[in-house]
Protein backbone atom coordinates (compact mmCIF):
# COMPACT_ATOMS: atom_id res chain seq x y z
CA MET A 1 155.61 18.58 -22.10
CA LEU A 2 153.50 21.83 -22.51
CA GLU A 3 150.40 20.81 -24.35
CA LEU A 4 149.70 22.95 -27.77
CA ALA A 5 147.68 25.87 -27.14
CA PRO A 6 144.67 26.43 -29.00
CA ALA A 7 146.07 29.59 -31.54
CA GLN A 8 148.83 27.33 -32.80
CA ALA A 9 146.37 24.48 -33.17
CA LYS A 10 144.86 26.69 -35.66
CA ALA A 11 147.52 27.98 -37.36
CA GLN A 12 147.92 27.42 -41.10
CA GLY A 13 151.19 26.66 -41.94
CA PRO A 14 154.14 27.31 -40.07
CA PRO A 15 155.59 30.57 -39.28
CA PRO A 16 159.05 31.16 -39.39
CA LEU A 17 161.16 30.05 -36.78
CA GLY A 18 163.81 32.22 -34.96
CA LEU A 19 166.30 30.67 -32.63
CA TYR A 20 167.84 33.23 -29.64
CA VAL A 21 170.52 32.63 -27.74
CA HIS A 22 170.78 34.75 -25.06
CA VAL A 23 175.04 35.19 -24.06
CA PRO A 24 174.82 36.24 -20.36
CA PHE A 25 178.49 37.10 -20.24
CA CYS A 26 179.69 41.02 -19.44
CA ALA A 27 183.02 42.35 -18.47
CA THR A 28 181.38 45.15 -17.02
CA THR A 29 177.14 46.29 -16.43
CA CYS A 30 176.63 49.82 -18.35
CA ASP A 31 175.35 52.38 -16.23
CA TYR A 32 172.10 51.38 -18.57
CA CYS A 33 171.84 48.38 -19.05
CA ALA A 34 169.19 45.94 -17.05
CA PHE A 35 169.64 42.68 -19.29
CA TYR A 36 170.71 39.51 -17.44
CA GLN A 37 174.12 39.70 -17.24
CA THR A 38 176.85 38.07 -14.64
CA GLN A 39 181.19 37.90 -15.41
CA PRO A 40 182.90 35.15 -16.91
CA THR A 41 185.04 32.69 -15.31
CA ALA A 42 186.54 29.52 -17.26
CA GLU A 43 183.50 27.19 -15.22
CA THR A 44 180.92 29.46 -15.58
CA VAL A 45 181.26 29.11 -19.56
CA ARG A 46 182.11 25.49 -20.00
CA GLY A 47 178.80 25.25 -17.48
CA PHE A 48 176.81 27.68 -19.88
CA LEU A 49 178.23 25.75 -23.33
CA ALA A 50 176.98 22.52 -21.72
CA GLY A 51 173.46 23.84 -20.92
CA VAL A 52 173.32 25.36 -24.19
CA ALA A 53 173.79 21.92 -26.00
CA ARG A 54 171.74 20.58 -22.79
CA GLU A 55 168.64 22.63 -23.57
CA ALA A 56 168.43 22.70 -27.07
CA ASP A 57 168.35 18.63 -26.45
CA LEU A 58 165.00 19.08 -24.57
CA VAL A 59 163.50 21.19 -27.63
CA VAL A 60 161.25 19.15 -29.87
CA TRP A 61 162.00 20.74 -33.41
CA ASN A 62 159.70 20.45 -35.45
CA ARG A 63 161.74 22.58 -38.14
CA PRO A 64 164.69 24.17 -39.15
CA ALA A 65 165.78 27.75 -37.82
CA ASP A 66 165.54 30.53 -40.44
CA THR A 67 167.76 33.03 -38.87
CA VAL A 68 169.25 32.73 -35.91
CA PHE A 69 170.14 35.25 -33.20
CA TRP A 70 172.85 35.79 -30.44
CA GLY A 71 172.56 38.41 -27.71
CA GLY A 72 173.56 39.36 -24.49
CA GLY A 73 175.40 40.25 -22.38
CA THR A 74 178.38 40.67 -24.99
CA PRO A 75 178.11 37.58 -27.39
CA GLY A 76 181.74 38.61 -28.52
CA MET A 77 183.46 38.08 -25.35
CA LEU A 78 183.35 33.80 -25.67
CA ALA A 79 186.97 32.95 -27.10
CA PRO A 80 187.32 31.55 -30.76
CA ARG A 81 186.73 27.77 -29.46
CA ALA A 82 183.90 28.87 -27.12
CA LEU A 83 182.14 30.57 -30.41
CA THR A 84 182.67 27.74 -32.35
CA GLU A 85 181.36 25.35 -30.03
CA LEU A 86 177.98 26.74 -29.61
CA GLY A 87 177.68 27.90 -33.01
CA GLU A 88 178.18 24.08 -33.62
CA VAL A 89 175.06 23.92 -31.61
CA VAL A 90 173.03 25.75 -33.30
CA LEU A 91 174.04 24.09 -36.71
CA ARG A 92 173.25 20.51 -35.25
CA GLN A 93 169.67 21.42 -33.48
CA GLY A 94 168.73 24.02 -35.63
CA GLY A 95 169.19 22.44 -38.79
CA GLY A 96 171.85 23.74 -40.36
CA ARG A 97 172.47 27.01 -41.70
CA PRO A 98 170.12 29.82 -41.58
CA GLY A 99 169.03 32.64 -44.07
CA GLU A 100 170.26 35.20 -41.50
CA TRP A 101 172.73 34.48 -38.26
CA SER A 102 173.25 37.62 -36.37
CA VAL A 103 175.72 37.63 -33.30
CA GLU A 104 175.70 41.08 -31.31
CA MET A 105 179.30 42.51 -30.60
CA ALA A 106 180.68 44.83 -28.36
CA PRO A 107 183.86 47.14 -30.45
CA ALA A 108 186.16 46.09 -27.42
CA SER A 109 185.43 42.12 -27.70
CA VAL A 110 185.97 42.17 -31.40
CA THR A 111 188.90 40.56 -32.51
CA PRO A 112 189.93 39.05 -35.81
CA GLN A 113 189.80 35.30 -34.18
CA ARG A 114 187.19 35.41 -33.44
CA LEU A 115 185.56 37.17 -36.69
CA ALA A 116 187.21 34.19 -38.11
CA ALA A 117 185.47 31.84 -36.29
CA LEU A 118 182.01 33.17 -36.54
CA LYS A 119 182.27 33.69 -40.16
CA ASP A 120 183.23 30.19 -40.45
CA LEU A 121 179.93 29.07 -38.64
CA GLY A 122 178.14 30.95 -41.43
CA VAL A 123 177.53 33.99 -39.40
CA THR A 124 176.09 36.61 -42.03
CA ARG A 125 175.07 39.85 -39.62
CA ILE A 126 177.28 41.29 -36.98
CA SER A 127 175.44 43.74 -35.08
CA MET A 128 177.81 46.39 -32.78
CA GLY A 129 176.92 48.15 -29.94
CA VAL A 130 178.58 51.56 -30.73
CA GLN A 131 176.06 53.59 -29.05
CA SER A 132 178.20 56.63 -29.43
CA PHE A 133 181.58 58.20 -30.73
CA GLN A 134 182.17 60.97 -28.36
CA PRO A 135 184.21 59.76 -24.84
CA ALA A 136 182.18 61.76 -22.73
CA LEU A 137 179.00 60.17 -23.71
CA LEU A 138 180.20 56.96 -23.74
CA GLU A 139 181.27 57.83 -20.44
CA ALA A 140 178.04 58.97 -18.94
CA LEU A 141 176.97 55.36 -20.65
CA GLY A 142 179.23 53.26 -18.61
CA ARG A 143 180.98 51.86 -21.54
CA GLN A 144 183.73 50.27 -21.59
CA HIS A 145 185.62 50.81 -25.33
CA THR A 146 186.32 54.03 -27.27
CA ARG A 147 185.53 55.68 -30.44
CA GLN A 148 189.15 53.98 -31.92
CA GLN A 149 188.22 51.07 -31.05
CA ALA A 150 184.74 51.08 -32.74
CA LEU A 151 187.05 52.21 -35.67
CA ARG A 152 189.47 49.55 -35.67
CA ALA A 153 186.66 46.75 -34.96
CA TYR A 154 184.25 47.68 -37.69
CA ALA A 155 187.53 48.09 -40.18
CA TRP A 156 187.76 44.25 -38.94
CA VAL A 157 184.58 43.16 -39.35
CA ARG A 158 184.18 44.56 -42.77
CA ALA A 159 187.92 42.81 -43.96
CA ALA A 160 185.89 39.40 -42.70
CA GLY A 161 183.53 39.60 -45.41
CA PHE A 162 180.22 39.47 -43.54
CA ALA A 163 177.34 40.31 -45.56
CA SER A 164 175.68 42.58 -42.98
CA VAL A 165 176.61 44.83 -40.67
CA ASN A 166 174.74 46.91 -38.10
CA PHE A 167 175.07 50.08 -36.15
CA ASP A 168 173.71 50.51 -32.49
CA LEU A 169 173.35 54.31 -31.51
CA ILE A 170 171.94 55.46 -28.42
CA PHE A 171 170.26 59.14 -28.31
CA ALA A 172 169.08 60.84 -25.13
CA ILE A 173 172.09 60.52 -23.07
CA PRO A 174 172.42 62.73 -20.60
CA GLY A 175 173.91 65.73 -21.26
CA GLN A 176 173.48 65.09 -24.98
CA THR A 177 172.79 68.22 -27.46
CA LEU A 178 170.63 67.84 -30.60
CA GLU A 179 174.52 69.03 -31.93
CA ALA A 180 176.01 65.72 -30.74
CA TRP A 181 173.76 63.14 -31.59
CA ARG A 182 173.88 64.89 -35.43
CA ALA A 183 177.68 64.47 -34.80
CA ASP A 184 177.17 60.42 -33.74
CA LEU A 185 174.90 60.08 -36.69
CA ASP A 186 177.15 61.56 -39.20
CA ALA A 187 180.33 59.38 -38.07
CA ALA A 188 177.82 56.26 -38.60
CA MET A 189 176.63 56.90 -41.53
CA GLU A 190 180.54 58.11 -42.64
CA PHE A 191 181.23 54.25 -42.61
CA GLN A 192 178.38 53.03 -44.65
CA PRO A 193 177.13 50.51 -42.33
CA ASP A 194 174.25 48.20 -43.86
CA HIS A 195 172.01 49.03 -40.68
CA ILE A 196 171.33 51.56 -38.15
CA SER A 197 169.05 51.09 -34.80
CA THR A 198 168.81 54.20 -33.11
CA TYR A 199 167.60 53.72 -29.65
CA CYS A 200 166.49 56.30 -26.92
CA LEU A 201 167.24 56.03 -24.08
CA THR A 202 165.09 54.44 -21.43
CA PHE A 203 166.06 54.37 -17.40
CA GLU A 204 165.49 50.74 -16.65
CA GLU A 205 164.81 50.24 -12.93
CA ASP A 206 167.73 48.44 -10.89
CA THR A 207 169.81 49.90 -13.03
CA ALA A 208 172.97 52.66 -12.47
CA LEU A 209 170.94 55.36 -14.67
CA PHE A 210 167.82 55.17 -13.02
CA VAL A 211 169.00 55.13 -9.73
CA LYS A 212 170.53 58.41 -10.70
CA LEU A 213 167.39 59.89 -12.66
CA SER A 214 166.08 59.09 -8.66
CA GLN A 215 168.54 61.47 -6.84
CA GLY A 216 167.81 64.01 -9.52
CA ARG A 217 170.99 63.98 -11.12
CA VAL A 218 169.88 63.38 -14.41
CA ARG A 219 166.37 64.66 -15.89
CA LEU A 220 164.31 63.19 -18.60
CA ASP A 221 163.42 65.51 -21.63
CA VAL A 222 160.10 64.45 -24.04
CA GLU A 223 159.98 67.43 -26.12
CA LYS A 224 163.68 67.20 -26.50
CA GLU A 225 163.84 63.41 -27.04
CA ALA A 226 161.33 64.10 -29.91
CA ALA A 227 163.84 66.30 -31.67
CA PHE A 228 166.06 63.50 -31.19
CA TYR A 229 163.97 60.93 -32.81
CA THR A 230 162.77 63.65 -35.97
CA GLU A 231 166.25 64.26 -36.68
CA ALA A 232 167.20 60.90 -36.91
CA TRP A 233 164.85 59.75 -39.15
CA GLU A 234 164.98 62.83 -41.58
CA ARG A 235 168.53 62.04 -41.44
CA LEU A 236 169.40 58.72 -41.99
CA GLU A 237 166.29 58.88 -44.50
CA ALA A 238 167.97 61.45 -46.45
CA ALA A 239 171.25 59.05 -46.68
CA GLY A 240 169.68 56.29 -47.84
CA TYR A 241 168.79 54.08 -45.07
CA ALA A 242 164.88 53.59 -44.55
CA GLN A 243 163.39 53.14 -42.07
CA TYR A 244 161.30 50.00 -41.27
CA GLU A 245 160.82 50.23 -37.71
CA ILE A 246 160.69 52.86 -34.90
CA SER A 247 164.48 52.39 -34.13
CA ASN A 248 165.75 50.66 -37.55
CA PHE A 249 166.98 51.88 -40.82
CA ALA A 250 168.67 49.63 -43.53
CA ARG A 251 169.53 49.93 -47.02
CA ALA A 252 167.70 47.52 -49.46
CA GLY A 253 167.94 44.50 -48.77
CA HIS A 254 169.47 44.69 -45.00
CA GLN A 255 166.67 44.72 -42.89
CA CYS A 256 167.13 42.27 -39.76
CA ARG A 257 164.63 39.00 -40.66
CA HIS A 258 164.72 37.66 -37.48
CA ASN A 259 163.46 40.74 -35.63
CA LEU A 260 160.97 41.53 -38.15
CA ASN A 261 159.48 37.72 -37.84
CA THR A 262 159.59 38.48 -33.94
CA TRP A 263 157.75 41.61 -34.30
CA ARG A 264 155.40 39.55 -36.94
CA MET A 265 154.40 37.40 -34.23
CA ALA A 266 156.14 34.15 -35.41
CA GLU A 267 157.81 31.43 -33.44
CA TRP A 268 161.21 31.29 -32.02
CA VAL A 269 162.66 29.59 -29.67
CA GLY A 270 164.93 31.27 -26.89
CA LEU A 271 168.45 29.43 -25.16
CA GLY A 272 169.90 30.49 -22.13
CA PRO A 273 169.57 31.88 -19.06
CA SER A 274 166.62 34.96 -19.10
CA ALA A 275 166.14 33.75 -22.87
CA ALA A 276 162.78 34.21 -23.84
CA SER A 277 160.88 31.64 -26.43
CA GLN A 278 157.50 31.95 -28.58
CA TYR A 279 157.05 28.57 -29.77
CA ALA A 280 154.32 25.56 -30.07
CA GLY A 281 151.37 27.90 -28.89
CA TRP A 282 153.24 29.08 -25.48
CA ARG A 283 155.39 32.58 -24.00
CA SER A 284 157.77 31.75 -21.75
CA SER A 285 161.40 33.33 -19.86
CA ASN A 286 164.11 30.78 -18.77
CA VAL A 287 165.23 32.08 -15.08
CA ALA A 288 167.16 34.63 -15.25
CA ASP A 289 170.30 33.03 -13.28
CA LEU A 290 172.57 31.34 -14.49
CA ALA A 291 173.24 28.74 -11.79
CA GLN A 292 169.28 27.83 -11.46
CA TRP A 293 169.12 27.25 -14.80
CA ARG A 294 172.08 25.09 -14.92
CA THR A 295 170.49 23.27 -11.97
CA ASP A 296 167.24 22.56 -13.68
CA LEU A 297 168.61 21.55 -17.01
CA ALA A 298 170.39 19.18 -14.89
CA ALA A 299 167.63 17.86 -13.79
CA GLY A 300 166.48 17.30 -17.18
CA ARG A 301 163.99 20.42 -17.59
CA ARG A 302 163.42 23.70 -18.82
CA ALA A 303 164.15 26.86 -16.64
CA LEU A 304 160.52 28.13 -17.83
CA THR A 305 159.17 30.26 -15.81
CA GLU A 306 155.48 31.80 -15.72
CA PRO A 307 154.14 29.86 -19.00
CA VAL A 308 151.46 31.53 -20.95
CA ALA A 309 149.47 29.75 -23.55
CA LEU A 310 149.52 31.67 -26.67
CA THR A 311 145.58 32.14 -27.28
CA PRO A 312 144.14 34.37 -30.37
CA ARG A 313 143.32 37.22 -28.51
CA ILE A 314 146.96 37.66 -27.26
CA LEU A 315 148.64 37.32 -30.35
CA ALA A 316 146.19 39.74 -32.13
CA GLU A 317 147.14 42.46 -29.34
CA ASP A 318 150.82 42.42 -29.63
CA SER A 319 150.72 42.03 -33.54
CA LEU A 320 148.91 45.11 -33.94
CA ILE A 321 151.12 46.70 -30.81
CA PHE A 322 154.38 45.71 -32.39
CA GLY A 323 153.33 45.69 -36.00
CA LEU A 324 152.50 49.09 -35.78
CA ARG A 325 155.70 50.09 -34.74
CA MET A 326 156.93 49.25 -38.33
CA ASN A 327 156.09 51.57 -41.21
CA GLU A 328 154.29 48.78 -43.08
CA GLY A 329 151.74 48.94 -40.58
CA VAL A 330 149.33 46.01 -40.15
CA ALA A 331 146.92 44.43 -42.52
CA LEU A 332 143.69 45.17 -40.78
CA PRO A 333 141.83 41.92 -42.91
CA ALA A 334 144.72 39.59 -42.44
CA LEU A 335 145.02 39.92 -38.62
CA ARG A 336 140.86 39.80 -38.55
CA THR A 337 140.93 36.04 -40.61
CA ARG A 338 144.23 35.15 -38.63
CA PHE A 339 142.39 36.04 -34.93
CA PRO A 340 138.24 36.18 -35.70
CA GLU A 341 138.19 36.22 -31.48
CA ALA A 342 139.75 39.55 -31.47
CA PRO A 343 137.17 42.07 -30.22
CA TRP A 344 137.30 44.07 -34.13
CA GLU A 345 134.69 46.54 -33.26
CA LYS A 346 137.10 47.87 -30.32
CA VAL A 347 139.92 48.21 -32.98
CA ASP A 348 137.91 49.53 -36.10
CA ALA A 349 136.51 52.39 -33.74
CA LEU A 350 140.66 52.73 -32.26
CA ALA A 351 141.81 52.77 -35.81
CA GLU A 352 139.22 55.19 -37.27
CA ARG A 353 139.97 57.76 -34.52
CA LEU A 354 144.17 57.31 -34.91
CA VAL A 355 143.09 58.18 -38.47
CA GLN A 356 140.95 60.97 -37.99
CA GLU A 357 143.61 62.52 -35.17
CA GLY A 358 146.25 62.97 -37.63
CA PHE A 359 148.12 59.83 -36.42
CA ALA A 360 147.69 57.02 -39.02
CA VAL A 361 146.36 56.22 -42.43
CA THR A 362 144.44 53.26 -43.89
CA GLU A 363 145.87 52.04 -47.23
CA GLY A 364 143.58 48.90 -48.88
CA GLY A 365 143.05 47.72 -45.79
CA GLY A 366 146.21 48.11 -44.09
CA LEU A 367 146.82 50.63 -40.65
CA ARG A 368 149.99 52.80 -40.70
CA LEU A 369 151.17 55.15 -38.26
CA THR A 370 152.15 58.69 -39.76
CA LEU A 371 155.54 60.49 -38.69
CA ARG A 372 153.12 61.74 -36.15
CA GLY A 373 152.03 59.08 -34.99
CA ARG A 374 155.28 57.25 -34.69
CA LEU A 375 156.60 59.70 -32.41
CA VAL A 376 153.35 58.76 -30.09
CA ALA A 377 153.70 54.99 -30.83
CA ASP A 378 153.90 53.81 -26.74
CA ALA A 379 151.15 55.99 -25.93
CA VAL A 380 148.97 53.80 -29.03
CA GLY A 381 149.90 50.92 -28.12
CA GLY A 382 148.72 51.69 -24.52
CA GLN A 383 145.16 52.60 -26.32
CA ILE A 384 145.51 49.25 -27.98
CA MET A 385 146.17 47.51 -24.35
CA ASP A 386 142.78 49.18 -23.19
CA ALA A 387 141.13 48.11 -26.04
CA PHE A 388 141.40 44.13 -25.32
CA ASP A 389 140.99 44.75 -21.56
């Protein structure tokens, strides 16, 4: 058992606790996806469900989970009975129904039977990986659903009565024009989901898209990416979707609490192969291999890789990087109190420079990025890392 790290030992009261379950099953691999996944069989699904139950038994739960998030992979590929079995583990080990329970679903995997199983468990939020409504762009991404499947899935989700529905959209797809991006945004807003996430396509190593990039078959266009960003921000805000993080927009009361707690450096337990945890003073990830994960659990141990003790310096750095991605920014006095060991002279100098150059503003001791600053948030994160070196 890992010992309590100093940063957690000094914490004043428990932060919110999240529970993340990685469901690693996908029918096919999308061209842009770098997440761990494998094709399901009856044996691997049974082993996965038994493994999650076993892993949850090995965690020392010190309080109930406030939020739950099932990601993947495609959690919606599980049969209704399997969804129920997995959900019962969450309810038993997580301390009952959480305040927010999100499940990612691909449009092609949505069925009334699966939705009924999730609703009976107490799931409150469905996040649908729509990505685009245009056949040519879906094909460019390697997605296996059609526009019609997405629309039908959304109708079923709404009919089932979930409290909140999110659409994931991707932009800067090879061959995508600004006009096509506007059309996707308008199509999404027409259905009035409660939340919309817009992600700039990234070329991760070991993906089909990265191979195409290395071969010169597709190209990066940074200026066009900036135009896509601002188009989404302006269009969604005008339609009543308030931006609360670089990529996330919500109607009032529909922000994703699980993600907010993560960005604010709270705690979460990750179950399943490749799932990450930040809990009891440590940060770690499970091995990204279903068979090895199961082998370790059979031996009575969690398959954790490279655990890192969460020092105040690490948490302060990450609180700034992720906090500045949120529109609310960061409360510097509160962070200074929480993490007094951080290099605050360097942080203050960086904050002053960001303000002088128009990338940030200060209000009541808080620091937040301007529109111009949000466009270069990754670069700002790099400067924060330099300040902590």
